[in-house]
Protein backbone atom coordinates (compact mmCIF):
# COMPACT_ATOMS: atom_id res chain seq x y z
CA MET A 1 -8.73 5.02 -9.16
CA THR A 2 -10.22 8.19 -10.54
CA CYS A 3 -13.00 8.22 -13.06
CA CYS A 4 -11.99 8.81 -16.63
CA LEU A 5 -13.72 10.15 -19.69
CA PRO A 6 -13.89 7.77 -22.68
CA HIS A 7 -11.17 9.75 -24.45
CA ASP A 8 -8.95 9.45 -21.35
CA HIS A 9 -9.30 5.66 -21.44
CA LYS A 10 -8.23 5.56 -25.08
CA LEU A 11 -5.21 7.78 -24.41
CA ALA A 12 -4.20 5.72 -21.38
CA ALA A 13 -4.50 2.45 -23.29
CA ASP A 14 -2.55 3.81 -26.24
CA ARG A 15 0.18 5.20 -23.98
CA LEU A 16 0.59 1.98 -21.98
CA LEU A 17 0.59 -0.29 -25.01
CA THR A 18 3.06 1.98 -26.82
CA LEU A 19 5.33 1.99 -23.78
CA SER A 20 5.11 -1.80 -23.64
CA ALA A 21 6.03 -2.11 -27.32
CA TYR A 22 9.00 0.27 -27.03
CA ALA A 23 10.24 -1.48 -23.91
CA ALA A 24 10.00 -4.88 -25.60
CA GLY A 25 11.91 -3.48 -28.58
CA LEU A 26 14.55 -1.97 -26.32
CA GLY A 27 14.91 -5.33 -24.57
CA ALA A 28 15.41 -7.10 -27.87
CA LEU A 29 17.99 -4.55 -29.02
CA ALA A 30 19.87 -4.72 -25.71
CA THR A 31 19.99 -8.51 -25.89
CA GLY A 32 21.12 -8.44 -29.51
CA PHE A 33 23.84 -5.85 -28.93
CA ALA A 34 25.01 -7.63 -25.78
CA GLY A 35 25.37 -10.86 -27.73
CA ILE A 36 27.13 -9.28 -30.70
CA LEU A 37 29.44 -6.97 -28.73
CA GLY A 38 30.10 -9.63 -26.10
CA GLY A 39 31.22 -12.08 -28.77
CA VAL A 40 33.11 -9.67 -31.03
CA VAL A 41 34.58 -6.97 -28.78
CA GLY A 42 34.79 -8.56 -25.35
CA SER A 43 32.77 -10.27 -22.67
CA LYS A 44 32.42 -7.09 -20.61
CA TRP A 45 29.78 -5.96 -23.13
CA ALA A 46 27.55 -8.84 -22.08
CA CYS A 47 26.40 -6.69 -19.15
CA LEU A 48 24.31 -4.79 -21.71
CA ALA A 49 21.88 -7.67 -21.38
CA GLY A 50 20.95 -6.14 -18.01
CA PHE A 51 19.10 -3.44 -19.93
CA ALA A 52 17.04 -6.20 -21.51
CA THR A 53 15.90 -7.28 -18.05
CA VAL A 54 14.91 -3.73 -17.13
CA ALA A 55 13.15 -3.25 -20.47
CA SER A 56 11.28 -6.54 -20.07
CA ALA A 57 10.15 -5.51 -16.60
CA LEU A 58 8.97 -2.15 -17.95
CA SER A 59 7.09 -3.87 -20.75
CA ALA A 60 5.44 -6.25 -18.30
CA PHE A 61 4.52 -3.33 -16.02
CA ALA A 62 2.87 -1.40 -18.87
CA SER A 63 0.97 -4.44 -20.13
CA THR A 64 -0.21 -5.36 -16.66
CA ASN A 65 -1.23 -1.79 -15.92
CA GLU A 66 -3.36 -1.75 -19.09
CA THR A 67 -4.90 -5.08 -18.17
CA LEU A 68 -5.74 -3.98 -14.63
CA GLY A 69 -6.99 -0.55 -15.71
CA GLN A 70 -8.96 -2.08 -18.59
CA HIS A 71 -8.70 1.22 -20.43
CA ARG A 72 -9.33 -0.24 -23.88
CA ARG A 73 -12.36 -2.18 -22.63
CA ASN A 74 -13.74 0.86 -20.80
CA GLU A 75 -13.36 3.05 -23.85
CA GLU A 76 -15.24 0.52 -25.98
CA LEU A 77 -17.97 0.22 -23.35
CA TYR A 78 -18.40 3.99 -23.18
CA ASP A 79 -18.45 4.27 -26.97
CA LYS A 80 -21.15 1.61 -27.39
CA THR A 81 -23.36 3.19 -24.75
CA ASN A 82 -22.74 6.66 -26.13
CA ASP A 83 -23.68 5.54 -29.65
CA ALA A 84 -26.89 3.93 -28.42
CA LEU A 85 -27.85 6.99 -26.38
CA ALA A 86 -27.02 9.32 -29.28
CA GLU A 87 -29.34 7.30 -31.50
CA LEU A 88 -32.08 7.61 -28.90
CA GLU A 89 -31.37 11.33 -28.59
CA GLY A 90 -32.15 11.66 -32.28
CA ARG A 91 -35.71 10.62 -31.47
CA LEU A 92 -36.09 13.13 -28.64
CA ASP A 93 -38.05 15.70 -30.68
CA GLU A 94 -40.57 13.02 -31.67
CA VAL A 95 -40.93 12.03 -28.02
CA ARG A 96 -41.42 15.68 -27.01
CA GLU A 97 -44.17 16.02 -29.61
CA ALA A 98 -45.77 12.82 -28.34
CA ALA A 99 -45.58 14.12 -24.76
CA ALA A 100 -47.20 17.39 -25.83
CA LYS A 101 -50.06 15.31 -27.26
CA ASP A 102 -50.30 13.43 -23.94
CA ASP A 103 -49.03 10.21 -25.54
CA ARG A 104 -47.71 8.63 -22.37
CA GLU A 105 -46.92 5.31 -24.01
CA SER A 106 -44.31 6.87 -26.34
CA VAL A 107 -42.67 8.70 -23.44
CA THR A 108 -42.67 5.50 -21.36
CA GLN A 109 -41.08 3.57 -24.23
CA PHE A 110 -38.40 6.22 -24.65
CA VAL A 111 -37.56 6.26 -20.94
CA SER A 112 -37.46 2.46 -20.95
CA ALA A 113 -35.07 2.44 -23.91
CA VAL A 114 -32.72 4.93 -22.20
CA HIS A 115 -32.94 2.99 -18.93
CA GLU A 116 -32.17 -0.26 -20.75
CA GLN A 117 -28.98 1.17 -22.27
CA LEU A 118 -27.80 2.47 -18.91
CA SER A 119 -28.68 -0.83 -17.24
CA ILE A 120 -26.71 -2.81 -19.81
CA GLU A 121 -23.66 -0.63 -19.21
CA HIS A 122 -24.08 -0.86 -15.45
CA LYS A 123 -24.37 -4.66 -15.59
CA GLN A 124 -21.13 -4.84 -17.58
CA TRP A 125 -19.40 -2.70 -14.94
CA LEU A 126 -20.70 -4.98 -12.19
CA ASP A 127 -19.58 -8.10 -14.07
CA ALA A 128 -16.10 -6.63 -14.51
CA ALA A 129 -15.91 -5.66 -10.84
CA GLU A 130 -16.91 -9.20 -9.85
CA LYS A 131 -14.23 -10.73 -12.08
CA ILE A 132 -11.62 -8.38 -10.65
CA ALA A 133 -12.67 -9.33 -7.11
CA VAL A 134 -12.29 -13.03 -7.94
CA SER A 135 -8.84 -12.38 -9.45
CA LEU A 136 -7.73 -10.43 -6.39
CA GLU A 137 -8.99 -13.18 -4.08
CA ASN A 138 -7.07 -15.78 -6.09
CA LEU A 139 -3.97 -13.60 -5.82
CA ARG A 140 -4.41 -13.33 -2.03
CA HIS A 141 -4.51 -17.12 -1.80
CA GLN A 142 -1.36 -17.41 -3.90
CA ILE A 143 0.52 -14.95 -1.72
């Protein structure tokens, strides 16, 4: 899987969830029309229900793809980290002034704060990767 920018994750999640919703709606319409036309016009129209099966499969595919890709979760993770780092960036001029005055403690605190935000994000990525590995192992045992 290729790496995505936060905006890419949001677009991917929106696209997949929209596709899932349309496919579910198409499935419902196909089932409804198959039932109505099959009962009123003739039983040959009942084959329209086949579209419902295809639409349901498409909906399940899109939902599963979103779940596996975790696009919504990734976008939220990126946003939280970005917000925290942007807040720290706002203090950068103060830290530069402190560094110019040889205030090593302020610089150390700033670096620690940035490192902490990156570590939190990294730990969340590792936790997610571990959960995915467990899920894949469970799937292997099922198959």
